């Protein structure tokens, strides 16, 4: 579990230059973990690292949006995203599982499993 103090420290280290909306969603997640805040942060991190940024936030895109074909995610973008997400949420994203993450919904579901939010929402 991430405390708000930890979140502030991590945000100061890892979210420099990110939109306020992403930082605030991260603080919200630290106070009360929920899938919506997680999505805003993770998709905001991905958006930040995209070479060609869409005008709209990625959490407004359909879940079937493909990372490579539709958004232009390349290996560098994915590695920057993985590194930042691992740091923010104290998780390890398994290299062997990354090639199976093809869409925004795949990414959402994967991170909900890694953070334990899928188990909480099933209760």
C-alpha atoms as a PDB file:
ATOM      1  CA  UNK A   1       0.000   0.000   0.000  1.00  0.00           C
ATOM      2  CA  UNK A   2       1.273   3.424  -0.950  1.00  0.00           C
ATOM      3  CA  UNK A   3       0.948   6.148   1.658  1.00  0.00           C
ATOM      4  CA  UNK A   4       0.224   9.723   0.646  1.00  0.00           C
ATOM      5  CA  UNK A   5       3.693  10.726   1.893  1.00  0.00           C
ATOM      6  CA  UNK A   6       5.268   8.047  -0.325  1.00  0.00           C
ATOM      7  CA  UNK A   7       3.091   9.209  -3.213  1.00  0.00           C
ATOM      8  CA  UNK A   8       4.262  12.816  -2.831  1.00  0.00           C
ATOM      9  CA  UNK A   9       7.897  11.722  -2.794  1.00  0.00           C
ATOM     10  CA  UNK A  10       7.439   9.460  -5.830  1.00  0.00           C
ATOM     11  CA  UNK A  11       5.514  12.136  -7.708  1.00  0.00           C
ATOM     12  CA  UNK A  12       8.346  14.595  -7.075  1.00  0.00           C
ATOM     13  CA  UNK A  13      10.787  12.035  -8.505  1.00  0.00           C
ATOM     14  CA  UNK A  14       8.803  10.399 -11.311  1.00  0.00           C
ATOM     15  CA  UNK A  15       6.039  12.765 -12.411  1.00  0.00           C
ATOM     16  CA  UNK A  16       8.028  15.924 -13.092  1.00  0.00           C
ATOM     17  CA  UNK A  17       6.512  17.663 -16.100  1.00  0.00           C
ATOM     18  CA  UNK A  18       3.349  15.550 -16.074  1.00  0.00           C
ATOM     19  CA  UNK A  19      -0.048  17.270 -16.221  1.00  0.00           C
ATOM     20  CA  UNK A  20      -1.590  18.156 -12.866  1.00  0.00           C
ATOM     21  CA  UNK A  21      -4.502  15.835 -13.645  1.00  0.00           C
ATOM     22  CA  UNK A  22      -2.138  12.821 -13.622  1.00  0.00           C
ATOM     23  CA  UNK A  23      -0.397  13.846 -10.409  1.00  0.00           C
ATOM     24  CA  UNK A  24      -3.738  14.447  -8.664  1.00  0.00           C
ATOM     25  CA  UNK A  25      -5.049  11.059  -9.829  1.00  0.00           C
ATOM     26  CA  UNK A  26      -1.922   9.454  -8.377  1.00  0.00           C
ATOM     27  CA  UNK A  27      -2.514  11.160  -5.022  1.00  0.00           C
ATOM     28  CA  UNK A  28      -6.139  10.035  -5.153  1.00  0.00           C
ATOM     29  CA  UNK A  29      -5.015   6.457  -5.814  1.00  0.00           C
ATOM     30  CA  UNK A  30      -2.634   6.630  -2.832  1.00  0.00           C
ATOM     31  CA  UNK A  31      -5.441   7.792  -0.553  1.00  0.00           C
ATOM     32  CA  UNK A  32      -7.992   5.276  -1.790  1.00  0.00           C
ATOM     33  CA  UNK A  33      -6.905   2.835  -4.521  1.00  0.00           C
ATOM     34  CA  UNK A  34      -9.509   2.555  -7.253  1.00  0.00           C
ATOM     35  CA  UNK A  35      -9.499   1.477 -10.918  1.00  0.00           C
ATOM     36  CA  UNK A  36     -10.439   4.905 -12.274  1.00  0.00           C
ATOM     37  CA  UNK A  37      -7.468   6.663 -10.647  1.00  0.00           C
ATOM     38  CA  UNK A  38      -5.174   3.829 -11.703  1.00  0.00           C
ATOM     39  CA  UNK A  39      -6.365   4.153 -15.311  1.00  0.00           C
ATOM     40  CA  UNK A  40      -5.891   7.919 -15.368  1.00  0.00           C
ATOM     41  CA  UNK A  41      -2.343   7.625 -14.036  1.00  0.00           C
ATOM     42  CA  UNK A  42      -1.191   4.694 -16.159  1.00  0.00           C
ATOM     43  CA  UNK A  43      -2.749   5.950 -19.378  1.00  0.00           C
ATOM     44  CA  UNK A  44      -1.460   9.448 -18.564  1.00  0.00           C
ATOM     45  CA  UNK A  45       2.053   8.049 -18.224  1.00  0.00           C
ATOM     46  CA  UNK A  46       1.715   6.247 -21.554  1.00  0.00           C
ATOM     47  CA  UNK A  47       0.356   9.419 -23.204  1.00  0.00           C
ATOM     48  CA  UNK A  48       3.265  11.450 -21.804  1.00  0.00           C
ATOM     49  CA  UNK A  49       5.831   9.158 -23.448  1.00  0.00           C
ATOM     50  CA  UNK A  50       4.128   8.860 -26.846  1.00  0.00           C
ATOM     51  CA  UNK A  51       6.084  10.468 -29.681  1.00  0.00           C
ATOM     52  CA  UNK A  52       2.853  11.600 -31.394  1.00  0.00           C
ATOM     53  CA  UNK A  53       0.453  12.563 -28.640  1.00  0.00           C
ATOM     54  CA  UNK A  54      -3.274  12.420 -29.343  1.00  0.00           C
ATOM     55  CA  UNK A  55      -5.197  15.565 -28.418  1.00  0.00           C
ATOM     56  CA  UNK A  56      -7.480  13.664 -26.022  1.00  0.00           C
ATOM     57  CA  UNK A  57      -6.475  11.824 -22.851  1.00  0.00           C
ATOM     58  CA  UNK A  58      -6.065   8.092 -23.424  1.00  0.00           C
ATOM     59  CA  UNK A  59      -8.586   7.213 -20.712  1.00  0.00           C
ATOM     60  CA  UNK A  60     -11.222   8.676 -23.079  1.00  0.00           C
ATOM     61  CA  UNK A  61     -10.217   6.287 -25.888  1.00  0.00           C
ATOM     62  CA  UNK A  62     -12.072   3.007 -26.534  1.00  0.00           C
ATOM     63  CA  UNK A  63     -10.637   0.005 -24.738  1.00  0.00           C
ATOM     64  CA  UNK A  64      -9.920  -1.736 -28.035  1.00  0.00           C
ATOM     65  CA  UNK A  65      -7.469   0.976 -29.087  1.00  0.00           C
ATOM     66  CA  UNK A  66      -4.306  -0.850 -30.126  1.00  0.00           C
ATOM     67  CA  UNK A  67      -1.066   0.310 -28.555  1.00  0.00           C
ATOM     68  CA  UNK A  68       1.212  -0.162 -31.553  1.00  0.00           C
ATOM     69  CA  UNK A  69      -1.060   0.200 -34.568  1.00  0.00           C
ATOM     70  CA  UNK A  70      -3.330   2.995 -33.305  1.00  0.00           C
ATOM     71  CA  UNK A  71      -1.122   4.897 -30.860  1.00  0.00           C
ATOM     72  CA  UNK A  72       2.354   4.251 -32.247  1.00  0.00           C
ATOM     73  CA  UNK A  73       3.752   2.757 -29.047  1.00  0.00           C
ATOM     74  CA  UNK A  74       7.299   1.585 -29.688  1.00  0.00           C
ATOM     75  CA  UNK A  75       9.702  -0.314 -27.433  1.00  0.00           C
ATOM     76  CA  UNK A  76      11.178   2.871 -25.932  1.00  0.00           C
ATOM     77  CA  UNK A  77       7.725   4.258 -25.113  1.00  0.00           C
ATOM     78  CA  UNK A  78       6.748   0.956 -23.508  1.00  0.00           C
ATOM     79  CA  UNK A  79       9.954   0.729 -21.465  1.00  0.00           C
ATOM     80  CA  UNK A  80       9.610   4.323 -20.207  1.00  0.00           C
ATOM     81  CA  UNK A  81       5.997   3.602 -19.275  1.00  0.00           C
ATOM     82  CA  UNK A  82       6.875   0.325 -17.542  1.00  0.00           C
ATOM     83  CA  UNK A  83       9.721   1.899 -15.572  1.00  0.00           C
ATOM     84  CA  UNK A  84       7.560   4.793 -14.371  1.00  0.00           C
ATOM     85  CA  UNK A  85       4.539   2.616 -13.524  1.00  0.00           C
ATOM     86  CA  UNK A  86       6.707   0.131 -11.605  1.00  0.00           C
ATOM     87  CA  UNK A  87       8.220   2.978  -9.619  1.00  0.00           C
ATOM     88  CA  UNK A  88       4.899   4.666  -8.852  1.00  0.00           C
ATOM     89  CA  UNK A  89       2.936   1.577  -7.862  1.00  0.00           C
ATOM     90  CA  UNK A  90       5.670  -0.630  -6.347  1.00  0.00           C
ATOM     91  CA  UNK A  91       4.980  -3.450  -8.777  1.00  0.00           C
ATOM     92  CA  UNK A  92       7.006  -5.542 -11.202  1.00  0.00           C
ATOM     93  CA  UNK A  93       5.711  -5.849 -14.735  1.00  0.00           C
ATOM     94  CA  UNK A  94       6.961  -9.165 -16.105  1.00  0.00           C
ATOM     95  CA  UNK A  95       8.901  -8.854 -19.378  1.00  0.00           C
ATOM     96  CA  UNK A  96       7.426 -12.114 -20.677  1.00  0.00           C
ATOM     97  CA  UNK A  97       3.882 -10.772 -20.230  1.00  0.00           C
ATOM     98  CA  UNK A  98       4.389  -7.417 -21.957  1.00  0.00           C
ATOM     99  CA  UNK A  99       4.019  -8.724 -25.546  1.00  0.00           C
ATOM    100  CA  UNK A 100       0.481  -9.872 -24.637  1.00  0.00           C
ATOM    101  CA  UNK A 101      -0.572  -6.302 -23.833  1.00  0.00           C
ATOM    102  CA  UNK A 102      -1.967  -5.200 -27.174  1.00  0.00           C
ATOM    103  CA  UNK A 103      -4.783  -2.758 -26.334  1.00  0.00           C
ATOM    104  CA  UNK A 104      -5.663  -0.137 -23.744  1.00  0.00           C
ATOM    105  CA  UNK A 105      -8.030  -2.652 -22.105  1.00  0.00           C
ATOM    106  CA  UNK A 106      -5.229  -5.235 -21.951  1.00  0.00           C
ATOM    107  CA  UNK A 107      -3.068  -2.665 -20.190  1.00  0.00           C
ATOM    108  CA  UNK A 108      -5.854  -1.707 -17.778  1.00  0.00           C
ATOM    109  CA  UNK A 109      -6.639  -5.317 -16.885  1.00  0.00           C
ATOM    110  CA  UNK A 110      -2.990  -6.268 -16.512  1.00  0.00           C
ATOM    111  CA  UNK A 111      -2.285  -3.414 -14.111  1.00  0.00           C
ATOM    112  CA  UNK A 112      -5.438  -4.054 -12.102  1.00  0.00           C
ATOM    113  CA  UNK A 113      -4.199  -7.614 -11.580  1.00  0.00           C
ATOM    114  CA  UNK A 114      -0.664  -6.465 -10.679  1.00  0.00           C
ATOM    115  CA  UNK A 115      -1.957  -3.895  -8.164  1.00  0.00           C
ATOM    116  CA  UNK A 116      -4.585  -6.246  -6.721  1.00  0.00           C
ATOM    117  CA  UNK A 117      -7.510  -4.063  -7.733  1.00  0.00           C
ATOM    118  CA  UNK A 118      -9.178  -6.851  -9.700  1.00  0.00           C
ATOM    119  CA  UNK A 119      -9.505  -8.944  -6.535  1.00  0.00           C
ATOM    120  CA  UNK A 120     -10.916  -5.999  -4.568  1.00  0.00           C
ATOM    121  CA  UNK A 121     -13.528  -5.201  -7.180  1.00  0.00           C
ATOM    122  CA  UNK A 122     -14.660  -8.847  -7.250  1.00  0.00           C
ATOM    123  CA  UNK A 123     -15.600  -8.723  -3.565  1.00  0.00           C
END
